[in-house]
Structures are given as structure tokens and as C-alpha cells.
């Protein structure tokens, strides 16, 4: 159940406003969630703009063709909506349902230390990529490494310690 964007002050970026839809203040939305419509489950979105994060109530939303569209309360025309294009959409991490046992949101993993089985720190998780075959952790340390997020590589995730233990040679 990934949310492939970093948590910022308790926020998890879940999507982005990518365009305008009609003339009545609706916007086109790109969702980062695995199932694109999952973003529509959240009635409050936080959008970042020039003044920082601002809270919006989702008045209406729906799937529209290959994407999503939404009307945010207080945004009543195309000109107002145009100021939102390019803004990230976040929700509070506390609003996310707990993932099933043994699964983690990407936002929980990003920033964690990655240590191999002999105790060598490989770096920190910068972000994750969805490749189709399996997810990949981008680990940045003295150099960048791409580690497959699979059970034969990821041996333990310790959220309390902020560490991911992996079976990975430091020379790879």
C-alpha cells in the first residue's frame, strides 16, 4: 500500500493538481495512490502553494476518463482553480488506515537508514519506484543504490529504530 511521497510535518503527498476541468472551478488531479480513486476517500486535502500548505474541503470529486477531477469548496471559477495547478495534494498521515501487518506506506520508509547484514550503512531511502515487477528502494549514501523491495533482500523493517535491514553486499 504505497504512498510514494515523503511525509512532511505529518503530511503524506498523495497526488497533484495537473490541470483545469471546465469553467466552474473544477481541477484535474493525478493520484499517486495504487488505486487512483483511493485519493477521493479523503474529504480534506492540503495543497501547497506560495503561502505553504492550505486546507481545502473536497466538495465533489469523481473519476473522469483516465484521471480524476475534483471541486474544492471555495474555488468557484476557472481563474481561482488555475492558481492550484501544480500544487501537491497531501493528507494527514494520521488519516491513513493502518497498513496490513508486514506492509508499510512508502512515506514511512522514506528517510530510513538502510543497513546490510554485516552492519554497514548503505545510506537512506530517498524514495521508492514502482517498476511493475517489484518496488525498488532508491538508497542514497556515498553513492546511489537501487534495491529491490522483495523479501529475499528486505529482511526487517524497524519503524521505531528508523532502520531497514537488508541482505545486500556493500560493493553492489
Protein backbone atom coordinates (compact mmCIF):
# COMPACT_ATOMS: atom_id res chain seq x y z
CA UNK A 1 0.00 0.00 0.00
CA UNK A 2 2.44 2.66 -1.00
CA UNK A 3 2.15 6.35 -0.81
CA UNK A 4 5.31 7.15 -2.76
CA UNK A 5 5.93 10.59 -1.42
CA UNK A 6 7.69 11.88 1.65
CA UNK A 7 5.87 12.74 4.87
CA UNK A 8 6.33 16.43 5.65
CA UNK A 9 5.26 17.63 9.07
CA UNK A 10 2.83 14.71 9.37
CA UNK A 11 1.59 15.04 5.79
CA UNK A 12 1.77 12.45 3.03
CA UNK A 13 1.71 13.67 -0.56
CA UNK A 14 -0.93 11.61 -2.36
CA UNK A 15 -1.35 13.43 -5.67
CA UNK A 16 -1.04 16.63 -7.66
CA UNK A 17 -3.33 19.16 -9.34
CA UNK A 18 -2.41 18.84 -13.01
CA UNK A 19 -4.94 20.96 -14.87
CA UNK A 20 -8.33 22.59 -15.11
CA UNK A 21 -11.66 20.93 -15.81
CA UNK A 22 -14.46 23.15 -17.08
CA UNK A 23 -15.18 26.71 -16.03
CA UNK A 24 -16.72 26.23 -12.56
CA UNK A 25 -13.56 25.74 -10.51
CA UNK A 26 -13.00 22.01 -11.02
CA UNK A 27 -9.43 20.70 -11.31
CA UNK A 28 -7.84 17.63 -12.88
CA UNK A 29 -5.95 15.51 -10.39
CA UNK A 30 -3.18 12.95 -10.73
CA UNK A 31 -3.26 10.41 -7.90
CA UNK A 32 -0.11 8.73 -6.56
CA UNK A 33 -2.16 6.04 -4.81
CA UNK A 34 -2.01 2.49 -6.14
CA UNK A 35 -5.73 2.64 -6.97
CA UNK A 36 -6.18 6.15 -8.32
CA UNK A 37 -9.66 6.62 -6.84
CA UNK A 38 -8.36 5.96 -3.30
CA UNK A 39 -7.43 9.64 -3.10
CA UNK A 40 -11.13 10.51 -3.35
CA UNK A 41 -11.80 8.83 0.01
CA UNK A 42 -10.28 11.78 1.86
CA UNK A 43 -12.67 14.73 2.43
CA UNK A 44 -9.88 17.15 3.40
CA UNK A 45 -6.89 17.83 1.17
CA UNK A 46 -3.92 20.04 1.92
CA UNK A 47 -2.42 21.79 -1.10
CA UNK A 48 0.93 23.52 -1.14
CA UNK A 49 1.24 26.93 -2.67
CA UNK A 50 3.26 30.11 -2.33
CA UNK A 51 1.99 30.59 1.25
CA UNK A 52 2.66 26.97 2.28
CA UNK A 53 0.14 24.22 2.94
CA UNK A 54 -3.53 25.20 2.92
CA UNK A 55 -6.51 23.03 3.80
CA UNK A 56 -9.38 22.50 1.34
CA UNK A 57 -12.61 20.57 1.71
CA UNK A 58 -13.40 18.37 -1.27
CA UNK A 59 -16.94 19.43 -2.24
CA UNK A 60 -17.27 16.96 -5.13
CA UNK A 61 -14.96 14.53 -6.89
CA UNK A 62 -15.10 11.64 -9.32
CA UNK A 63 -13.21 9.55 -11.81
CA UNK A 64 -13.24 11.19 -15.21
CA UNK A 65 -11.84 9.20 -18.10
CA UNK A 66 -8.33 8.03 -17.22
CA UNK A 67 -7.98 10.50 -14.34
CA UNK A 68 -9.76 12.24 -11.50
CA UNK A 69 -11.48 15.60 -11.19
CA UNK A 70 -12.40 17.50 -8.06
CA UNK A 71 -14.22 20.62 -6.98
CA UNK A 72 -12.79 22.17 -3.83
CA UNK A 73 -15.01 24.26 -1.57
CA UNK A 74 -14.40 27.98 -2.11
CA UNK A 75 -12.96 27.56 -5.61
CA UNK A 76 -15.79 28.71 -7.85
CA UNK A 77 -14.27 29.62 -11.20
CA UNK A 78 -11.52 28.73 -13.62
CA UNK A 79 -9.32 31.66 -12.58
CA UNK A 80 -9.33 30.61 -8.91
CA UNK A 81 -8.70 27.00 -9.89
CA UNK A 82 -5.78 27.95 -12.15
CA UNK A 83 -3.80 29.07 -9.06
CA UNK A 84 -3.89 25.48 -7.81
CA UNK A 85 -2.36 23.86 -10.90
CA UNK A 86 0.95 22.28 -9.97
CA UNK A 87 0.14 22.03 -6.26
CA UNK A 88 0.85 18.79 -4.43
CA UNK A 89 -2.12 17.22 -2.66
CA UNK A 90 -1.46 15.80 0.80
CA UNK A 91 -3.46 14.23 3.59
CA UNK A 92 -2.53 13.93 7.24
CA UNK A 93 -0.65 10.71 7.90
CA UNK A 94 -2.92 10.04 10.89
CA UNK A 95 -5.90 9.80 8.49
CA UNK A 96 -4.40 6.89 6.55
CA UNK A 97 -5.75 3.47 7.51
CA UNK A 98 -3.14 1.24 9.13
CA UNK A 99 -1.47 -0.97 6.54
CA UNK A 100 -1.82 -4.74 6.87
CA UNK A 101 0.82 -6.46 9.04
CA UNK A 102 4.18 -6.58 7.28
CA UNK A 103 3.25 -3.82 4.83
CA UNK A 104 4.26 -0.18 5.01
CA UNK A 105 3.40 3.08 3.37
CA UNK A 106 6.24 4.42 1.27
CA UNK A 107 6.15 7.60 3.33
CA UNK A 108 7.05 5.50 6.39
CA UNK A 109 10.13 4.07 4.65
CA UNK A 110 11.49 7.24 3.08
CA UNK A 111 14.32 8.70 5.12
CA UNK A 112 15.05 5.45 6.97
CA UNK A 113 18.62 4.16 7.30
CA UNK A 114 19.43 1.06 5.26
CA UNK A 115 21.89 -1.33 6.91
CA UNK A 116 23.15 -4.62 5.49
CA UNK A 117 23.54 -7.87 7.42
CA UNK A 118 27.14 -7.13 8.45
CA UNK A 119 26.20 -3.72 9.86
CA UNK A 120 27.37 -1.49 7.02
CA UNK A 121 25.10 1.50 6.47
CA UNK A 122 24.31 1.79 2.75
CA UNK A 123 22.53 5.13 3.06
CA UNK A 124 18.97 6.34 3.49
CA UNK A 125 15.86 5.64 1.46
CA UNK A 126 15.41 8.64 -0.83
CA UNK A 127 12.24 7.37 -2.48
CA UNK A 128 10.68 4.26 -3.95
CA UNK A 129 9.82 3.35 -7.52
CA UNK A 130 7.08 1.10 -8.81
CA UNK A 131 8.57 -0.93 -11.67
CA UNK A 132 5.81 -3.41 -12.39
CA UNK A 133 7.86 -6.45 -11.39
CA UNK A 134 8.54 -5.19 -7.85
CA UNK A 135 9.02 -1.95 -5.97
CA UNK A 136 12.55 -0.53 -5.78
CA UNK A 137 14.11 1.48 -2.95
CA UNK A 138 16.42 4.28 -4.07
CA UNK A 139 19.07 4.38 -1.35
CA UNK A 140 21.45 7.34 -1.24
CA UNK A 141 24.66 7.22 0.74
CA UNK A 142 28.23 7.51 -0.52
CA UNK A 143 26.57 6.57 -3.82
CA UNK A 144 23.08 5.74 -5.06
CA UNK A 145 21.85 2.15 -4.99
CA UNK A 146 18.65 0.62 -6.32
CA UNK A 147 17.49 -2.20 -4.06
CA UNK A 148 14.51 -4.37 -4.95
CA UNK A 149 11.88 -4.29 -2.22
CA UNK A 150 11.43 -8.05 -2.05
CA UNK A 151 11.57 -10.49 0.88
CA UNK A 152 14.90 -12.00 -0.18
CA UNK A 153 16.51 -8.53 0.12
CA UNK A 154 14.50 -6.69 2.79
CA UNK A 155 14.90 -8.75 5.95
CA UNK A 156 13.49 -6.42 8.59
CA UNK A 157 11.82 -3.01 8.81
CA UNK A 158 12.18 -1.39 12.22
CA UNK A 159 10.00 1.74 12.27
CA UNK A 160 10.96 2.56 15.87
CA UNK A 161 14.71 2.50 15.17
CA UNK A 162 14.24 4.01 11.70
CA UNK A 163 16.19 1.20 10.04
CA UNK A 164 15.70 -1.25 7.23
CA UNK A 165 17.92 -4.34 7.40
CA UNK A 166 18.80 -5.83 4.03
CA UNK A 167 20.72 -8.74 2.53
CA UNK A 168 22.82 -6.65 0.15
CA UNK A 169 26.54 -6.55 -0.43
CA UNK A 170 28.04 -3.10 0.12
CA UNK A 171 30.02 -3.49 -3.12
CA UNK A 172 26.85 -3.77 -5.23
